[in-house]
């Protein structure tokens, strides 16, 4: 089954369970947010491969080319602030992953696509040999909270391999392409294993 979803191409990778804060001021996205709120539906976040987040035109006045990955994540709008006319600050949470089908651009520049939802991660316990990776995430969270930051959306699920892997992926200093590949992995244990290997290679946890 597929459903139509408005898209917000960004230079970021949203993960299921992740937090996303956006400043919205372009007309196409202000309209999109209004429609999503009225219809109580999500929009899709896809990571850009080419082109910018803001709508640009080429020398002939046509929309500049935009290319994005074909797997994204649904974003649910949790809060909206409208402190200035024509500007919205929205806080979103990542939900289900999806695969794009037939993306198309409207005359106003907004992208739409038919999307097929992908299965959520199966609940799996982190293996014992990855206890250091789990504990290091606990410590990273506590360090950020001591500095006044609440990095992730509670509840924290340290017994869920997919959740642990996703939260690490959000804060690791790796490329967007690497984050995209990790997000697109169907196996949460494989995703956590790759994170664990990276942390050991970087000396964050013991070898």
Protein backbone atom coordinates (compact mmCIF):
# COMPACT_ATOMS: atom_id res chain seq x y z
CA UNK A 1 0.00 0.00 0.00
CA UNK A 2 1.22 3.51 -0.77
CA UNK A 3 0.05 6.96 0.26
CA UNK A 4 0.80 10.47 -0.97
CA UNK A 5 3.10 12.51 1.24
CA UNK A 6 4.49 16.05 0.97
CA UNK A 7 8.27 16.09 1.15
CA UNK A 8 10.76 18.39 2.88
CA UNK A 9 14.22 17.75 1.36
CA UNK A 10 16.89 18.73 3.90
CA UNK A 11 20.62 18.52 4.39
CA UNK A 12 20.07 16.19 7.31
CA UNK A 13 19.02 12.60 7.99
CA UNK A 14 16.04 12.09 10.26
CA UNK A 15 15.92 8.79 12.14
CA UNK A 16 12.84 7.07 13.57
CA UNK A 17 12.43 8.33 17.12
CA UNK A 18 14.62 11.35 16.37
CA UNK A 19 14.00 15.02 17.07
CA UNK A 20 13.87 17.65 14.33
CA UNK A 21 13.58 21.41 14.80
CA UNK A 22 12.81 23.54 11.75
CA UNK A 23 12.44 27.23 10.98
CA UNK A 24 9.86 27.48 8.21
CA UNK A 25 9.40 30.65 6.16
CA UNK A 26 9.03 29.68 2.49
CA UNK A 27 5.41 29.88 1.32
CA UNK A 28 5.32 26.30 0.03
CA UNK A 29 6.37 24.93 3.43
CA UNK A 30 4.16 27.28 5.43
CA UNK A 31 1.23 25.95 3.40
CA UNK A 32 2.47 22.38 3.88
CA UNK A 33 2.68 22.78 7.65
CA UNK A 34 -0.81 24.28 7.74
CA UNK A 35 -2.21 21.38 5.71
CA UNK A 36 -0.43 18.81 7.90
CA UNK A 37 -1.82 20.40 11.07
CA UNK A 38 -5.37 20.61 9.71
CA UNK A 39 -5.33 17.04 8.42
CA UNK A 40 -3.26 15.71 11.35
CA UNK A 41 -0.85 13.98 9.02
CA UNK A 42 2.95 13.85 8.79
CA UNK A 43 5.28 15.06 6.08
CA UNK A 44 8.31 13.25 4.71
CA UNK A 45 11.93 14.22 5.37
CA UNK A 46 14.41 13.14 2.70
CA UNK A 47 18.15 13.83 2.65
CA UNK A 48 19.40 15.96 -0.23
CA UNK A 49 21.99 14.61 -2.62
CA UNK A 50 22.06 17.69 -4.85
CA UNK A 51 20.45 21.11 -4.71
CA UNK A 52 19.64 23.31 -1.75
CA UNK A 53 16.99 23.45 0.93
CA UNK A 54 15.69 26.79 -0.36
CA UNK A 55 14.02 27.02 -3.74
CA UNK A 56 16.33 28.44 -6.40
CA UNK A 57 15.98 29.02 -10.11
CA UNK A 58 18.46 28.56 -12.92
CA UNK A 59 19.46 31.26 -15.43
CA UNK A 60 16.36 30.47 -17.52
CA UNK A 61 14.03 30.97 -14.57
CA UNK A 62 13.28 27.27 -14.11
CA UNK A 63 13.52 25.53 -10.73
CA UNK A 64 17.10 24.44 -10.08
CA UNK A 65 17.65 20.66 -10.10
CA UNK A 66 17.13 18.88 -6.80
CA UNK A 67 18.01 15.28 -6.08
CA UNK A 68 17.39 13.36 -2.86
CA UNK A 69 17.65 9.85 -1.48
CA UNK A 70 14.77 7.46 -2.07
CA UNK A 71 14.34 6.39 1.57
CA UNK A 72 13.14 8.90 4.12
CA UNK A 73 11.33 9.18 7.44
CA UNK A 74 7.91 10.54 8.30
CA UNK A 75 8.01 13.63 10.54
CA UNK A 76 5.13 14.24 12.96
CA UNK A 77 4.60 17.85 14.04
CA UNK A 78 4.60 18.01 17.85
CA UNK A 79 4.73 21.77 18.52
CA UNK A 80 4.45 24.98 16.53
CA UNK A 81 5.52 28.51 17.54
CA UNK A 82 4.60 31.55 15.46
CA UNK A 83 6.50 34.37 17.17
CA UNK A 84 6.87 36.39 13.95
CA UNK A 85 4.50 36.85 11.05
CA UNK A 86 5.40 34.50 8.21
CA UNK A 87 7.83 32.42 10.26
CA UNK A 88 7.07 29.15 12.04
CA UNK A 89 9.31 27.24 14.42
CA UNK A 90 8.21 23.62 14.44
CA UNK A 91 9.37 20.70 16.54
CA UNK A 92 8.91 17.28 15.01
CA UNK A 93 9.58 13.66 15.84
CA UNK A 94 10.66 10.98 13.40
CA UNK A 95 8.25 8.12 12.84
CA UNK A 96 8.17 5.39 10.16
CA UNK A 97 10.67 5.02 7.34
CA UNK A 98 9.36 5.01 3.79
CA UNK A 99 10.46 4.31 0.22
CA UNK A 100 9.72 6.92 -2.41
CA UNK A 101 7.61 6.16 -5.45
CA UNK A 102 7.01 8.66 -8.24
CA UNK A 103 8.28 11.92 -6.68
CA UNK A 104 6.92 15.00 -8.45
CA UNK A 105 7.24 18.75 -8.06
CA UNK A 106 4.23 21.05 -7.89
CA UNK A 107 4.23 24.46 -9.61
CA UNK A 108 4.85 26.13 -6.22
CA UNK A 109 8.00 24.02 -5.77
CA UNK A 110 6.64 21.62 -3.17
CA UNK A 111 7.62 18.00 -3.72
CA UNK A 112 5.03 15.23 -3.40
CA UNK A 113 5.54 11.48 -3.66
CA UNK A 114 3.70 8.25 -3.29
CA UNK A 115 5.43 6.42 -0.46
CA UNK A 116 5.44 2.86 0.79
CA UNK A 117 6.01 2.54 4.52
CA UNK A 118 8.87 0.26 5.55
CA UNK A 119 8.71 -2.13 8.52
CA UNK A 120 9.76 -0.70 11.86
CA UNK A 121 12.85 -2.15 13.52
CA UNK A 122 12.17 -5.40 15.30
CA UNK A 123 12.84 -5.15 19.01
CA UNK A 124 16.22 -6.73 19.72
CA UNK A 125 18.42 -6.62 22.80
CA UNK A 126 21.93 -5.22 22.28
CA UNK A 127 24.41 -8.13 22.43
CA UNK A 128 26.52 -8.40 25.59
CA UNK A 129 29.67 -7.59 23.62
CA UNK A 130 28.17 -4.17 22.84
CA UNK A 131 27.52 -3.22 26.47
CA UNK A 132 30.26 -0.58 26.24
CA UNK A 133 28.45 1.07 23.34
CA UNK A 134 25.23 1.22 25.34
CA UNK A 135 26.97 2.52 28.44
CA UNK A 136 28.86 5.15 26.45
CA UNK A 137 25.55 6.45 25.10
CA UNK A 138 24.23 6.73 28.66
CA UNK A 139 27.31 8.73 29.60
CA UNK A 140 27.03 10.96 26.54
CA UNK A 141 23.40 11.71 27.36
CA UNK A 142 24.26 12.56 30.98
CA UNK A 143 27.07 14.85 29.83
CA UNK A 144 24.74 16.72 27.49
CA UNK A 145 22.05 16.99 30.16
CA UNK A 146 24.54 18.49 32.60
CA UNK A 147 25.08 21.21 30.01
CA UNK A 148 21.34 21.88 29.88
CA UNK A 149 20.57 19.94 26.70
CA UNK A 150 17.90 17.26 26.37
CA UNK A 151 19.35 15.53 23.32
CA UNK A 152 16.73 12.90 22.61
CA UNK A 153 13.01 12.35 22.94
CA UNK A 154 12.21 10.28 26.04
CA UNK A 155 11.67 7.56 27.01
CA UNK A 156 15.22 6.31 26.62
CA UNK A 157 15.27 2.68 25.49
CA UNK A 158 18.73 1.32 26.20
CA UNK A 159 17.47 -2.27 25.87
CA UNK A 160 16.46 -1.65 22.23
CA UNK A 161 19.35 -2.13 19.77
CA UNK A 162 17.66 -0.07 17.05
CA UNK A 163 17.01 2.86 19.38
CA UNK A 164 20.60 2.84 20.67
CA UNK A 165 21.99 2.66 17.14
CA UNK A 166 19.76 5.49 15.89
CA UNK A 167 20.69 7.82 18.73
CA UNK A 168 24.39 7.20 18.17
CA UNK A 169 23.95 7.82 14.43
CA UNK A 170 22.43 11.22 15.17
CA UNK A 171 25.43 12.47 17.15
CA UNK A 172 28.37 10.74 15.48
CA UNK A 173 30.67 12.95 13.33
CA UNK A 174 30.06 11.02 10.13
CA UNK A 175 28.95 12.12 6.66
CA UNK A 176 25.31 12.51 5.65
CA UNK A 177 25.82 9.70 3.13
CA UNK A 178 26.95 7.38 5.94
CA UNK A 179 24.03 8.40 8.15
CA UNK A 180 21.64 7.75 5.26
CA UNK A 181 23.03 4.26 4.68
CA UNK A 182 22.74 3.44 8.38
CA UNK A 183 19.18 4.74 8.57
CA UNK A 184 18.21 2.69 5.51
CA UNK A 185 19.53 -0.57 7.00
CA UNK A 186 16.65 -2.91 7.80
CA UNK A 187 18.53 -4.87 10.47
CA UNK A 188 18.88 -2.92 13.75
CA UNK A 189 21.58 -5.27 15.05
CA UNK A 190 23.64 -4.75 11.89
CA UNK A 191 23.23 -0.98 12.34
CA UNK A 192 24.38 -1.18 15.96
CA UNK A 193 27.32 -3.39 15.00
CA UNK A 194 28.55 -0.80 12.49
CA UNK A 195 28.21 1.93 15.14
CA UNK A 196 30.10 -0.24 17.64
CA UNK A 197 32.93 -0.83 15.14
CA UNK A 198 33.19 2.90 14.43
CA UNK A 199 33.37 3.76 18.14
CA UNK A 200 36.10 1.17 18.69
CA UNK A 201 38.05 2.36 15.64
CA UNK A 202 37.90 5.92 16.98
CA UNK A 203 38.94 4.85 20.48
CA UNK A 204 35.69 6.05 22.06
CA UNK A 205 35.27 2.64 23.66
CA UNK A 206 37.79 -0.14 24.29
CA UNK A 207 38.95 -2.32 21.44
